[in-house]
Amino acid sequence: MVSEFLLLELEKTLKREKFQLQLQQRGYTVGDLMSVVKGLSNDCPTIFVDAPQLRDPKDNFVLAAAIAANAEAIVTGDLDLLVLIEFNGIPILTPQGFLSRYFSD
């Protein structure tokens, strides 16, 4: 599940100059990728949370989406989120930590 804010943030990020060459080399546009993401995602309601311990206030939207979607885990490489370890009972894991925790066999 994904919130509208997170979709907008992803689109903004993909439009950065550093990603444009990579997309062009692969024959994709930002619109192409956004269509795929939207097709694979379900909308979750936009709620607001306040986590004053966050170094980046925009990460509140990630936490809010996780709560609204009843997420089992947040998987990220964002150090500002990873320092929390968990939020509202939802573990915050690196991709490797997620694989180790849920697919250790």
N, C-alpha and C. Protein backbone atom coordinates (compact mmCIF):
# COMPACT_ATOMS: atom_id res chain seq x y z
N MET A 1 0.84 -1.17 0.00
CA MET A 1 0.00 0.00 0.00
C MET A 1 0.89 1.24 0.00
N VAL A 2 0.35 2.29 -0.58
CA VAL A 2 1.13 3.51 -0.68
C VAL A 2 0.20 4.72 -0.57
N SER A 3 0.70 5.75 0.06
CA SER A 3 -0.09 6.98 0.19
C SER A 3 0.20 7.90 -0.99
N GLU A 4 -0.69 8.83 -1.21
CA GLU A 4 -0.52 9.79 -2.30
C GLU A 4 0.76 10.59 -2.10
N PHE A 5 1.07 10.96 -0.86
CA PHE A 5 2.29 11.71 -0.59
C PHE A 5 3.52 10.92 -1.02
N LEU A 6 3.55 9.63 -0.71
CA LEU A 6 4.72 8.82 -1.07
C LEU A 6 4.85 8.68 -2.58
N LEU A 7 3.73 8.59 -3.28
CA LEU A 7 3.79 8.54 -4.75
C LEU A 7 4.37 9.85 -5.30
N LEU A 8 3.94 10.96 -4.75
CA LEU A 8 4.48 12.25 -5.20
C LEU A 8 5.97 12.37 -4.90
N GLU A 9 6.37 11.89 -3.74
CA GLU A 9 7.79 11.93 -3.36
C GLU A 9 8.63 11.04 -4.28
N LEU A 10 8.12 9.86 -4.63
CA LEU A 10 8.83 8.98 -5.55
C LEU A 10 8.97 9.64 -6.92
N GLU A 11 7.89 10.22 -7.41
CA GLU A 11 7.94 10.88 -8.72
C GLU A 11 8.94 12.03 -8.72
N LYS A 12 8.93 12.83 -7.67
CA LYS A 12 9.88 13.94 -7.54
C LYS A 12 11.32 13.43 -7.53
N THR A 13 11.55 12.34 -6.81
CA THR A 13 12.90 11.76 -6.73
C THR A 13 13.34 11.23 -8.08
N LEU A 14 12.47 10.53 -8.77
CA LEU A 14 12.82 9.96 -10.07
C LEU A 14 13.11 11.03 -11.12
N LYS A 15 12.57 12.22 -10.92
CA LYS A 15 12.79 13.32 -11.86
C LYS A 15 14.13 14.01 -11.66
N ARG A 16 14.84 13.65 -10.61
CA ARG A 16 16.15 14.24 -10.37
C ARG A 16 17.10 13.91 -11.52
N GLU A 17 17.96 14.85 -11.79
CA GLU A 17 18.89 14.71 -12.91
C GLU A 17 19.72 13.43 -12.83
N LYS A 18 20.12 13.03 -11.63
CA LYS A 18 20.98 11.86 -11.51
C LYS A 18 20.30 10.57 -11.95
N PHE A 19 18.97 10.54 -12.03
CA PHE A 19 18.27 9.34 -12.47
C PHE A 19 17.87 9.40 -13.94
N GLN A 20 17.89 10.58 -14.53
CA GLN A 20 17.40 10.72 -15.90
C GLN A 20 18.20 9.90 -16.91
N LEU A 21 19.53 9.92 -16.82
CA LEU A 21 20.35 9.16 -17.77
C LEU A 21 20.10 7.67 -17.63
N GLN A 22 20.01 7.20 -16.39
CA GLN A 22 19.75 5.78 -16.17
C GLN A 22 18.42 5.35 -16.77
N LEU A 23 17.41 6.19 -16.60
CA LEU A 23 16.09 5.87 -17.17
C LEU A 23 16.14 5.87 -18.69
N GLN A 24 16.79 6.88 -19.26
CA GLN A 24 16.89 6.98 -20.71
C GLN A 24 17.63 5.79 -21.30
N GLN A 25 18.72 5.37 -20.66
CA GLN A 25 19.49 4.23 -21.14
C GLN A 25 18.67 2.95 -21.16
N ARG A 26 17.71 2.86 -20.29
CA ARG A 26 16.86 1.67 -20.21
C ARG A 26 15.55 1.83 -21.00
N GLY A 27 15.38 3.00 -21.61
CA GLY A 27 14.19 3.24 -22.41
C GLY A 27 12.93 3.50 -21.62
N TYR A 28 13.08 4.02 -20.41
CA TYR A 28 11.94 4.31 -19.56
C TYR A 28 11.81 5.79 -19.30
N THR A 29 10.62 6.18 -18.96
CA THR A 29 10.36 7.54 -18.49
C THR A 29 9.87 7.46 -17.05
N VAL A 30 9.86 8.59 -16.40
CA VAL A 30 9.32 8.64 -15.05
C VAL A 30 7.85 8.20 -15.08
N GLY A 31 7.13 8.63 -16.09
CA GLY A 31 5.74 8.24 -16.23
C GLY A 31 5.55 6.74 -16.34
N ASP A 32 6.47 6.09 -17.09
CA ASP A 32 6.41 4.62 -17.21
C ASP A 32 6.54 3.96 -15.84
N LEU A 33 7.53 4.39 -15.09
CA LEU A 33 7.77 3.78 -13.77
C LEU A 33 6.63 4.07 -12.80
N MET A 34 6.11 5.28 -12.85
CA MET A 34 5.01 5.62 -11.96
C MET A 34 3.77 4.79 -12.29
N SER A 35 3.54 4.54 -13.57
CA SER A 35 2.40 3.70 -13.96
C SER A 35 2.54 2.29 -13.40
N VAL A 36 3.76 1.75 -13.45
CA VAL A 36 4.01 0.41 -12.92
C VAL A 36 3.78 0.39 -11.40
N VAL A 37 4.34 1.37 -10.71
CA VAL A 37 4.20 1.43 -9.26
C VAL A 37 2.72 1.54 -8.87
N LYS A 38 2.00 2.43 -9.55
CA LYS A 38 0.57 2.60 -9.23
C LYS A 38 -0.22 1.34 -9.54
N GLY A 39 0.18 0.62 -10.60
CA GLY A 39 -0.50 -0.61 -10.96
C GLY A 39 -0.27 -1.74 -9.97
N LEU A 40 0.87 -1.69 -9.29
CA LEU A 40 1.22 -2.74 -8.33
C LEU A 40 0.84 -2.37 -6.89
N SER A 41 0.33 -1.18 -6.70
CA SER A 41 0.07 -0.67 -5.35
C SER A 41 -1.41 -0.48 -5.10
N ASN A 42 -1.75 -0.51 -3.85
CA ASN A 42 -3.08 -0.14 -3.40
C ASN A 42 -2.95 1.15 -2.61
N ASP A 43 -3.94 2.01 -2.73
CA ASP A 43 -3.92 3.26 -1.99
C ASP A 43 -4.20 2.99 -0.51
N CYS A 44 -3.53 3.74 0.33
CA CYS A 44 -3.87 3.70 1.75
C CYS A 44 -4.28 5.11 2.14
N PRO A 45 -5.10 5.22 3.16
CA PRO A 45 -5.54 6.56 3.56
C PRO A 45 -4.37 7.40 4.05
N THR A 46 -4.49 8.68 3.85
CA THR A 46 -3.47 9.60 4.34
C THR A 46 -3.82 9.97 5.78
N ILE A 47 -2.94 9.62 6.68
CA ILE A 47 -3.09 10.01 8.07
C ILE A 47 -1.85 10.79 8.47
N PHE A 48 -1.88 11.42 9.61
CA PHE A 48 -0.74 12.19 10.05
C PHE A 48 -0.27 11.67 11.40
N VAL A 49 1.04 11.57 11.52
CA VAL A 49 1.65 11.19 12.79
C VAL A 49 2.70 12.23 13.12
N ASP A 50 3.04 12.30 14.36
CA ASP A 50 4.08 13.21 14.80
C ASP A 50 5.16 12.39 15.50
N ALA A 51 6.31 12.37 14.91
CA ALA A 51 7.45 11.66 15.50
C ALA A 51 8.57 12.68 15.67
N PRO A 52 8.56 13.42 16.77
CA PRO A 52 9.55 14.50 16.95
C PRO A 52 10.99 14.00 16.97
N GLN A 53 11.18 12.70 17.17
CA GLN A 53 12.54 12.16 17.20
C GLN A 53 13.14 12.02 15.81
N LEU A 54 12.34 12.21 14.76
CA LEU A 54 12.85 12.10 13.39
C LEU A 54 13.75 13.28 13.05
N ARG A 55 14.86 12.99 12.37
CA ARG A 55 15.75 14.05 11.93
C ARG A 55 15.20 14.72 10.67
N ASP A 56 14.44 13.97 9.86
CA ASP A 56 13.84 14.50 8.64
C ASP A 56 12.33 14.46 8.78
N PRO A 57 11.70 15.60 9.00
CA PRO A 57 10.25 15.62 9.23
C PRO A 57 9.43 15.01 8.08
N LYS A 58 9.96 15.01 6.86
CA LYS A 58 9.22 14.40 5.74
C LYS A 58 9.04 12.90 5.94
N ASP A 59 9.88 12.29 6.76
CA ASP A 59 9.75 10.86 7.02
C ASP A 59 8.51 10.52 7.84
N ASN A 60 7.88 11.54 8.43
CA ASN A 60 6.60 11.30 9.12
C ASN A 60 5.59 10.66 8.18
N PHE A 61 5.66 11.02 6.88
CA PHE A 61 4.71 10.47 5.91
C PHE A 61 4.94 8.98 5.67
N VAL A 62 6.18 8.55 5.77
CA VAL A 62 6.49 7.12 5.64
C VAL A 62 5.89 6.37 6.83
N LEU A 63 6.11 6.91 8.01
CA LEU A 63 5.57 6.28 9.21
C LEU A 63 4.05 6.26 9.19
N ALA A 64 3.45 7.36 8.73
CA ALA A 64 1.99 7.43 8.66
C ALA A 64 1.44 6.41 7.69
N ALA A 65 2.07 6.26 6.54
CA ALA A 65 1.60 5.27 5.56
C ALA A 65 1.72 3.86 6.12
N ALA A 66 2.79 3.59 6.84
CA ALA A 66 2.97 2.26 7.43
C ALA A 66 1.87 1.96 8.44
N ILE A 67 1.52 2.94 9.24
CA ILE A 67 0.45 2.74 10.22
C ILE A 67 -0.89 2.57 9.51
N ALA A 68 -1.17 3.44 8.54
CA ALA A 68 -2.45 3.39 7.83
C ALA A 68 -2.62 2.07 7.08
N ALA A 69 -1.51 1.52 6.60
CA ALA A 69 -1.57 0.28 5.83
C ALA A 69 -1.44 -0.96 6.71
N ASN A 70 -1.32 -0.77 8.03
CA ASN A 70 -1.09 -1.90 8.94
C ASN A 70 0.12 -2.72 8.51
N ALA A 71 1.20 -2.02 8.19
CA ALA A 71 2.41 -2.66 7.69
C ALA A 71 3.03 -3.57 8.75
N GLU A 72 3.60 -4.65 8.28
CA GLU A 72 4.31 -5.57 9.17
C GLU A 72 5.73 -5.07 9.42
N ALA A 73 6.29 -4.34 8.45
CA ALA A 73 7.64 -3.80 8.58
C ALA A 73 7.80 -2.64 7.61
N ILE A 74 8.75 -1.77 7.92
CA ILE A 74 9.19 -0.73 7.01
C ILE A 74 10.57 -1.14 6.55
N VAL A 75 10.76 -1.24 5.25
CA VAL A 75 12.06 -1.64 4.68
C VAL A 75 12.64 -0.41 3.99
N THR A 76 13.84 -0.01 4.42
CA THR A 76 14.41 1.23 3.91
C THR A 76 15.92 1.24 4.05
N GLY A 77 16.54 2.10 3.29
CA GLY A 77 17.96 2.37 3.46
C GLY A 77 18.17 3.74 4.07
N ASP A 78 17.09 4.43 4.41
CA ASP A 78 17.13 5.78 4.94
C ASP A 78 17.60 5.75 6.39
N LEU A 79 18.78 6.29 6.61
CA LEU A 79 19.36 6.26 7.96
C LEU A 79 18.53 7.04 8.96
N ASP A 80 17.82 8.08 8.50
CA ASP A 80 16.98 8.86 9.40
C ASP A 80 15.84 8.01 9.97
N LEU A 81 15.37 7.04 9.20
CA LEU A 81 14.33 6.13 9.70
C LEU A 81 14.95 4.96 10.46
N LEU A 82 16.05 4.44 9.96
CA LEU A 82 16.66 3.25 10.57
C LEU A 82 17.09 3.49 12.03
N VAL A 83 17.45 4.72 12.37
CA VAL A 83 17.88 4.97 13.74
C VAL A 83 16.75 4.78 14.75
N LEU A 84 15.50 4.80 14.27
CA LEU A 84 14.37 4.59 15.18
C LEU A 84 14.23 3.13 15.62
N ILE A 85 14.69 2.21 14.78
CA ILE A 85 14.61 0.77 14.99
C ILE A 85 13.18 0.25 14.84
N GLU A 86 12.22 0.94 15.44
CA GLU A 86 10.81 0.60 15.25
C GLU A 86 9.97 1.83 15.55
N PHE A 87 8.74 1.80 15.04
CA PHE A 87 7.82 2.89 15.33
C PHE A 87 6.43 2.31 15.48
N ASN A 88 5.81 2.59 16.59
CA ASN A 88 4.45 2.11 16.85
C ASN A 88 4.35 0.58 16.70
N GLY A 89 5.41 -0.10 17.11
CA GLY A 89 5.44 -1.56 17.02
C GLY A 89 5.81 -2.11 15.66
N ILE A 90 6.09 -1.24 14.70
CA ILE A 90 6.47 -1.68 13.34
C ILE A 90 7.99 -1.62 13.23
N PRO A 91 8.65 -2.76 13.01
CA PRO A 91 10.11 -2.73 12.87
C PRO A 91 10.54 -1.97 11.62
N ILE A 92 11.64 -1.25 11.73
CA ILE A 92 12.22 -0.52 10.60
C ILE A 92 13.53 -1.21 10.27
N LEU A 93 13.58 -1.81 9.09
CA LEU A 93 14.68 -2.70 8.72
C LEU A 93 15.35 -2.30 7.42
N THR A 94 16.62 -2.62 7.31
CA THR A 94 17.30 -2.53 6.02
C THR A 94 16.78 -3.67 5.15
N PRO A 95 17.00 -3.61 3.84
CA PRO A 95 16.60 -4.76 3.01
C PRO A 95 17.23 -6.06 3.50
N GLN A 96 18.50 -6.02 3.87
CA GLN A 96 19.17 -7.23 4.36
C GLN A 96 18.56 -7.69 5.68
N GLY A 97 18.27 -6.75 6.56
CA GLY A 97 17.64 -7.10 7.83
C GLY A 97 16.26 -7.71 7.63
N PHE A 98 15.53 -7.20 6.65
CA PHE A 98 14.21 -7.76 6.33
C PHE A 98 14.34 -9.19 5.84
N LEU A 99 15.27 -9.42 4.92
CA LEU A 99 15.47 -10.78 4.39
C LEU A 99 15.90 -11.73 5.50
N SER A 100 16.80 -11.28 6.36
CA SER A 100 17.25 -12.14 7.46
C SER A 100 16.13 -12.46 8.43
N ARG A 101 15.30 -11.48 8.70
CA ARG A 101 14.23 -11.67 9.68
C ARG A 101 13.09 -12.53 9.15
N TYR A 102 12.71 -12.33 7.88
CA TYR A 102 11.52 -13.00 7.35
C TYR A 102 11.82 -14.16 6.41
N PHE A 103 13.06 -14.26 5.94
CA PHE A 103 13.40 -15.32 4.99
C PHE A 103 14.74 -15.96 5.35
N SER A 104 14.91 -16.28 6.61
CA SER A 104 16.20 -16.79 7.07
C SER A 104 16.49 -18.22 6.66
N ASP A 105 15.47 -18.94 6.21
CA ASP A 105 15.69 -20.35 5.83
C ASP A 105 16.36 -20.50 4.50
